[in-house]
N, C-alpha and C. Protein backbone atom coordinates (compact mmCIF):
# COMPACT_ATOMS: atom_id res chain seq x y z
N MET A 1 19.83 -6.06 8.82
CA MET A 1 18.54 -6.06 9.72
C MET A 1 18.95 -6.02 11.22
N THR A 2 18.29 -4.87 11.71
CA THR A 2 18.60 -4.68 13.10
C THR A 2 17.64 -5.77 13.93
N MET A 3 18.17 -6.01 14.94
CA MET A 3 17.50 -7.16 15.66
C MET A 3 17.22 -6.76 17.20
N LYS A 4 16.10 -7.34 17.63
CA LYS A 4 15.72 -7.04 19.22
C LYS A 4 16.55 -7.93 19.94
N LYS A 5 16.85 -7.27 21.12
CA LYS A 5 17.66 -8.05 22.09
C LYS A 5 16.66 -9.01 22.90
N ARG A 6 16.88 -10.21 22.89
CA ARG A 6 16.29 -11.17 23.66
C ARG A 6 16.81 -11.36 25.06
N SER A 7 18.20 -11.27 25.12
CA SER A 7 18.73 -11.34 26.32
C SER A 7 20.16 -10.40 26.07
N GLU A 8 21.06 -10.50 27.14
CA GLU A 8 22.22 -9.74 26.86
C GLU A 8 23.09 -10.21 25.75
N ASN A 9 23.02 -11.50 25.40
CA ASN A 9 23.97 -11.92 24.47
C ASN A 9 23.25 -12.35 23.11
N ILE A 10 21.95 -12.58 23.17
CA ILE A 10 21.32 -13.08 22.02
C ILE A 10 20.29 -11.99 21.40
N THR A 11 20.49 -12.05 20.03
CA THR A 11 19.46 -11.12 19.29
C THR A 11 18.59 -11.82 18.38
N VAL A 12 17.48 -11.32 18.09
CA VAL A 12 16.58 -12.03 17.44
C VAL A 12 16.00 -11.24 16.17
N PRO A 13 16.00 -11.75 14.90
CA PRO A 13 15.52 -10.81 13.78
C PRO A 13 14.36 -10.62 13.87
N ALA A 14 13.71 -9.34 13.15
CA ALA A 14 12.33 -9.06 13.31
C ALA A 14 11.74 -10.04 12.22
N PRO A 15 10.47 -10.63 12.53
CA PRO A 15 9.72 -11.40 11.78
C PRO A 15 9.38 -10.75 10.45
N THR A 16 9.17 -11.73 9.49
CA THR A 16 8.75 -11.28 8.12
C THR A 16 7.40 -10.95 8.03
N LYS A 17 6.77 -10.34 6.99
CA LYS A 17 5.47 -10.00 6.79
C LYS A 17 4.60 -11.48 6.77
N LYS A 18 5.29 -12.36 5.99
CA LYS A 18 4.87 -13.65 5.85
C LYS A 18 4.56 -14.35 7.17
N GLU A 19 5.68 -14.37 7.99
CA GLU A 19 5.64 -15.09 9.29
C GLU A 19 4.53 -14.40 10.17
N ILE A 20 4.37 -13.18 10.17
CA ILE A 20 3.35 -12.53 10.93
C ILE A 20 1.80 -12.88 10.54
N ILE A 21 1.66 -13.10 9.18
CA ILE A 21 0.44 -13.53 8.55
C ILE A 21 0.14 -14.93 8.95
N GLU A 22 1.27 -15.69 8.77
CA GLU A 22 1.02 -17.19 9.24
C GLU A 22 0.71 -17.25 10.59
N ALA A 23 1.28 -16.46 11.56
CA ALA A 23 1.06 -16.50 13.02
C ALA A 23 -0.54 -16.12 13.26
N LEU A 24 -1.19 -15.16 12.35
CA LEU A 24 -2.52 -14.76 12.60
C LEU A 24 -3.50 -15.70 11.99
N LYS A 25 -3.14 -16.61 11.17
CA LYS A 25 -4.05 -17.64 10.70
C LYS A 25 -4.95 -18.36 11.63
N PRO A 26 -4.37 -18.68 12.81
CA PRO A 26 -5.25 -19.43 13.61
C PRO A 26 -6.33 -18.66 14.34
N ILE A 27 -6.28 -17.27 14.31
CA ILE A 27 -7.32 -16.43 14.93
C ILE A 27 -8.56 -16.66 14.10
N GLN A 28 -9.56 -17.02 15.01
CA GLN A 28 -10.95 -17.06 14.25
C GLN A 28 -11.89 -16.13 14.82
N ASP A 29 -12.83 -15.57 13.88
CA ASP A 29 -13.90 -14.95 14.10
C ASP A 29 -14.92 -15.85 15.01
N PRO A 30 -14.93 -15.56 16.39
CA PRO A 30 -15.87 -16.38 17.13
C PRO A 30 -17.23 -16.66 16.68
N GLU A 31 -17.84 -15.65 15.85
CA GLU A 31 -19.26 -15.93 15.40
C GLU A 31 -19.20 -16.60 14.10
N ILE A 32 -18.35 -16.38 13.22
CA ILE A 32 -18.27 -17.15 12.07
C ILE A 32 -17.75 -18.49 12.04
N ARG A 33 -16.54 -18.56 12.99
CA ARG A 33 -15.60 -19.74 12.96
C ARG A 33 -14.74 -19.96 11.79
N ILE A 34 -14.16 -18.84 11.14
CA ILE A 34 -13.46 -18.74 10.03
C ILE A 34 -12.30 -17.99 10.59
N GLY A 35 -10.97 -18.26 10.03
CA GLY A 35 -9.84 -17.31 10.57
C GLY A 35 -10.00 -16.08 9.98
N ILE A 36 -9.45 -15.08 10.69
CA ILE A 36 -9.37 -13.62 10.19
C ILE A 36 -8.52 -13.47 8.73
N VAL A 37 -7.53 -14.18 8.63
CA VAL A 37 -6.80 -14.10 7.36
C VAL A 37 -7.58 -14.67 6.33
N ASP A 38 -8.42 -15.85 6.32
CA ASP A 38 -9.00 -16.29 5.37
C ASP A 38 -10.26 -15.47 5.07
N LEU A 39 -10.89 -14.80 6.14
CA LEU A 39 -11.91 -14.04 5.82
C LEU A 39 -11.48 -12.79 5.06
N GLY A 40 -10.19 -12.35 5.01
CA GLY A 40 -9.88 -11.17 4.40
C GLY A 40 -9.85 -10.09 5.29
N LEU A 41 -9.83 -10.08 6.51
CA LEU A 41 -9.83 -9.15 7.44
C LEU A 41 -8.59 -8.56 7.72
N VAL A 42 -7.49 -9.15 7.47
CA VAL A 42 -6.22 -8.62 7.60
C VAL A 42 -5.94 -7.87 6.22
N TYR A 43 -5.74 -6.51 6.05
CA TYR A 43 -5.64 -6.03 4.82
C TYR A 43 -4.07 -5.70 4.56
N ASP A 44 -3.28 -5.48 5.61
CA ASP A 44 -1.70 -5.29 5.43
C ASP A 44 -1.06 -5.48 6.58
N VAL A 45 0.25 -5.82 6.52
CA VAL A 45 1.20 -5.92 7.61
C VAL A 45 2.41 -5.11 7.15
N GLU A 46 2.86 -4.35 8.05
CA GLU A 46 4.08 -3.75 7.89
C GLU A 46 5.06 -3.87 9.16
N VAL A 47 6.31 -4.22 8.79
CA VAL A 47 7.24 -4.58 9.89
C VAL A 47 8.61 -4.02 9.43
N ASN A 48 9.11 -3.22 10.32
CA ASN A 48 10.49 -2.65 10.06
C ASN A 48 11.72 -3.53 10.54
N ASP A 49 12.87 -3.07 10.44
CA ASP A 49 14.21 -3.73 10.82
C ASP A 49 14.17 -3.75 12.30
N GLN A 50 13.62 -2.79 12.96
CA GLN A 50 13.63 -2.72 14.42
C GLN A 50 12.44 -3.59 15.08
N GLY A 51 11.88 -4.20 14.34
CA GLY A 51 10.72 -5.12 14.81
C GLY A 51 9.44 -4.48 15.32
N GLN A 52 9.22 -3.18 14.73
CA GLN A 52 7.93 -2.60 14.95
C GLN A 52 6.94 -3.03 13.86
N VAL A 53 5.77 -3.54 14.39
CA VAL A 53 4.75 -4.08 13.45
C VAL A 53 3.52 -3.33 13.58
N LYS A 54 2.86 -2.92 12.36
CA LYS A 54 1.65 -2.37 12.15
C LYS A 54 0.77 -3.47 11.47
N VAL A 55 -0.53 -3.79 11.97
CA VAL A 55 -1.32 -4.78 11.31
C VAL A 55 -2.63 -3.65 10.85
N LYS A 56 -2.84 -3.59 9.58
CA LYS A 56 -4.07 -3.02 9.17
C LYS A 56 -5.18 -4.05 9.03
N MET A 57 -6.10 -3.87 9.77
CA MET A 57 -7.29 -4.91 9.60
C MET A 57 -8.56 -4.29 9.68
N THR A 58 -9.74 -5.08 9.35
CA THR A 58 -10.98 -4.49 9.51
C THR A 58 -11.75 -5.53 10.21
N LEU A 59 -13.21 -5.42 10.43
CA LEU A 59 -14.11 -6.42 11.00
C LEU A 59 -15.19 -6.66 10.14
N THR A 60 -16.13 -7.62 10.15
CA THR A 60 -16.98 -7.88 9.33
C THR A 60 -18.02 -6.89 9.16
N THR A 61 -18.30 -6.17 10.32
CA THR A 61 -19.18 -4.83 10.52
C THR A 61 -18.67 -4.03 11.51
N PRO A 62 -18.92 -2.74 11.38
CA PRO A 62 -18.69 -1.94 12.50
C PRO A 62 -19.16 -2.33 13.94
N ALA A 63 -20.38 -2.89 13.79
CA ALA A 63 -21.00 -3.43 15.06
C ALA A 63 -20.76 -4.80 15.45
N CYS A 64 -19.64 -5.26 14.79
CA CYS A 64 -19.20 -6.76 15.07
C CYS A 64 -19.07 -6.85 16.82
N PRO A 65 -19.83 -7.81 17.25
CA PRO A 65 -19.78 -7.89 18.76
C PRO A 65 -18.37 -8.48 19.37
N TYR A 66 -17.67 -9.07 18.51
CA TYR A 66 -16.31 -9.61 18.92
C TYR A 66 -15.20 -8.58 18.40
N GLY A 67 -15.21 -7.55 18.01
CA GLY A 67 -14.45 -6.63 17.57
C GLY A 67 -13.28 -6.33 18.48
N ASP A 68 -13.55 -6.10 19.56
CA ASP A 68 -12.64 -5.79 20.65
C ASP A 68 -11.69 -7.09 20.93
N LEU A 69 -12.47 -8.13 20.98
CA LEU A 69 -11.64 -9.43 21.11
C LEU A 69 -10.74 -9.85 19.97
N LEU A 70 -11.21 -9.61 18.74
CA LEU A 70 -10.42 -9.90 17.63
C LEU A 70 -9.05 -9.01 17.50
N ILE A 71 -9.35 -7.74 17.86
CA ILE A 71 -8.20 -6.70 17.77
C ILE A 71 -7.25 -7.25 18.99
N SER A 72 -7.73 -7.49 20.18
CA SER A 72 -6.74 -7.76 21.34
C SER A 72 -6.09 -9.05 21.01
N MET A 73 -6.90 -10.11 20.37
CA MET A 73 -6.18 -11.48 20.01
C MET A 73 -5.09 -11.14 18.89
N THR A 74 -5.21 -10.28 18.03
CA THR A 74 -4.39 -10.07 16.99
C THR A 74 -3.16 -9.31 17.64
N LYS A 75 -3.23 -8.37 18.49
CA LYS A 75 -2.16 -7.70 19.04
C LYS A 75 -1.32 -8.52 19.98
N ARG A 76 -2.07 -9.51 20.71
CA ARG A 76 -1.36 -10.46 21.50
C ARG A 76 -0.61 -11.38 20.79
N VAL A 77 -1.01 -11.92 19.58
CA VAL A 77 -0.22 -12.93 18.78
C VAL A 77 0.94 -12.15 18.29
N VAL A 78 0.74 -10.91 17.68
CA VAL A 78 1.98 -10.36 17.05
C VAL A 78 3.04 -9.88 18.14
N SER A 79 2.50 -9.28 19.26
CA SER A 79 3.28 -8.86 20.40
C SER A 79 4.20 -10.03 20.88
N GLN A 80 3.71 -11.17 20.83
CA GLN A 80 4.49 -12.34 21.48
C GLN A 80 5.45 -13.04 20.55
N MET A 81 5.37 -12.53 19.36
CA MET A 81 6.32 -13.08 18.39
C MET A 81 7.74 -12.68 18.60
N GLU A 82 8.69 -13.58 18.60
CA GLU A 82 10.14 -13.20 18.69
C GLU A 82 10.58 -12.15 17.71
N GLY A 83 11.31 -11.14 18.13
CA GLY A 83 11.71 -10.17 17.23
C GLY A 83 10.92 -9.05 16.98
N VAL A 84 9.55 -9.10 17.63
CA VAL A 84 8.70 -7.86 17.63
C VAL A 84 9.10 -7.05 18.98
N THR A 85 9.28 -5.80 18.65
CA THR A 85 9.52 -4.71 19.71
C THR A 85 8.35 -4.07 20.13
N SER A 86 7.53 -3.70 19.15
CA SER A 86 6.12 -3.02 19.40
C SER A 86 5.18 -3.45 18.49
N SER A 87 3.89 -3.38 18.67
CA SER A 87 2.73 -3.72 17.85
C SER A 87 1.77 -2.69 17.96
N GLU A 88 1.25 -2.49 16.55
CA GLU A 88 0.01 -1.60 16.57
C GLU A 88 -1.06 -2.22 15.69
N ILE A 89 -2.28 -2.17 16.03
CA ILE A 89 -3.33 -2.65 15.16
C ILE A 89 -4.09 -1.57 14.77
N ILE A 90 -4.22 -1.27 13.57
CA ILE A 90 -4.94 -0.12 12.83
C ILE A 90 -6.22 -0.54 12.38
N LEU A 91 -7.32 -0.20 12.88
CA LEU A 91 -8.65 -0.74 12.54
C LEU A 91 -8.97 0.38 11.33
N VAL A 92 -9.33 -0.13 10.04
CA VAL A 92 -9.82 0.66 8.94
C VAL A 92 -11.19 0.09 8.47
N TRP A 93 -11.90 0.97 7.73
CA TRP A 93 -13.23 0.68 7.35
C TRP A 93 -13.11 1.06 5.71
N ASP A 94 -11.99 1.25 5.04
CA ASP A 94 -12.00 1.53 3.69
C ASP A 94 -10.76 0.83 3.09
N PRO A 95 -11.01 -0.17 2.23
CA PRO A 95 -12.22 -0.40 1.62
C PRO A 95 -13.22 -1.35 2.42
N PRO A 96 -14.34 -1.22 2.30
CA PRO A 96 -15.31 -1.91 3.19
C PRO A 96 -15.24 -3.45 2.97
N TRP A 97 -15.31 -4.24 3.76
CA TRP A 97 -15.10 -5.64 3.74
C TRP A 97 -16.13 -6.24 3.23
N ASP A 98 -15.69 -7.10 1.92
CA ASP A 98 -16.63 -7.76 1.07
C ASP A 98 -16.17 -9.18 0.90
N PRO A 99 -16.92 -10.00 1.57
CA PRO A 99 -16.25 -11.55 1.49
C PRO A 99 -16.34 -12.16 0.31
N LYS A 100 -17.04 -11.62 -0.68
CA LYS A 100 -16.94 -12.35 -2.10
C LYS A 100 -15.55 -11.78 -2.74
N GLU A 101 -15.21 -10.66 -2.31
CA GLU A 101 -13.87 -10.12 -3.01
C GLU A 101 -12.65 -10.49 -2.17
N MET A 102 -12.77 -10.48 -0.81
CA MET A 102 -11.71 -10.43 0.03
C MET A 102 -11.43 -11.86 0.74
N ALA A 103 -12.27 -12.57 0.88
CA ALA A 103 -12.12 -13.95 1.37
C ALA A 103 -11.40 -15.04 0.62
N SER A 104 -10.74 -16.05 1.37
CA SER A 104 -10.12 -16.92 0.54
C SER A 104 -11.18 -17.90 -0.19
N ASP A 105 -10.66 -18.80 -0.87
CA ASP A 105 -11.46 -19.85 -1.52
C ASP A 105 -12.08 -20.65 -0.42
N LEU A 106 -11.33 -21.14 0.54
CA LEU A 106 -11.71 -21.93 1.59
C LEU A 106 -12.77 -21.18 2.47
N ALA A 107 -12.63 -19.94 2.71
CA ALA A 107 -13.79 -18.96 3.31
C ALA A 107 -14.94 -19.01 2.57
N LYS A 108 -14.78 -18.75 1.33
CA LYS A 108 -16.01 -18.56 0.43
C LYS A 108 -16.78 -20.02 0.25
N ASP A 109 -16.07 -21.10 0.57
CA ASP A 109 -16.83 -22.47 0.56
C ASP A 109 -17.47 -22.55 1.92
N GLN A 110 -16.87 -22.33 2.90
CA GLN A 110 -17.50 -22.33 4.25
C GLN A 110 -18.61 -21.34 4.35
N LEU A 111 -18.63 -20.23 3.73
CA LEU A 111 -19.68 -19.18 3.76
C LEU A 111 -20.71 -19.50 2.68
N GLY A 112 -20.43 -20.40 1.86
CA GLY A 112 -21.35 -20.61 0.79
C GLY A 112 -21.49 -19.53 -0.12
N LEU A 113 -20.40 -18.98 -0.65
CA LEU A 113 -20.46 -17.76 -1.42
C LEU A 113 -20.05 -18.01 -2.99
N TRP A 114 -20.18 -19.21 -3.38
CA TRP A 114 -19.93 -19.55 -4.75
C TRP A 114 -21.09 -19.38 -5.66
């Protein structure tokens, strides 16, 4: 695995997909107060050996008033992870977000979707 140089003598491996998803869990949608991972807004994470990360995500609606904030928070968290050399947030609308299908059981409980 190729590593990002942290200093002249120390290298850091690229984070795993699982580590990136774990790092994103604390980010909450300010309107709903549930994490974006639990809401199912993070569709996919790609990371290569060079530490380049792409996060494919959506928002609850195209008119989400906190969309820019959620995207910037996601980019900031990923960019600050050790071993990440670049990050890209890709906003997608397909498939459309459906909390009944995409949210975790915890989020469904909080949203009253059972």
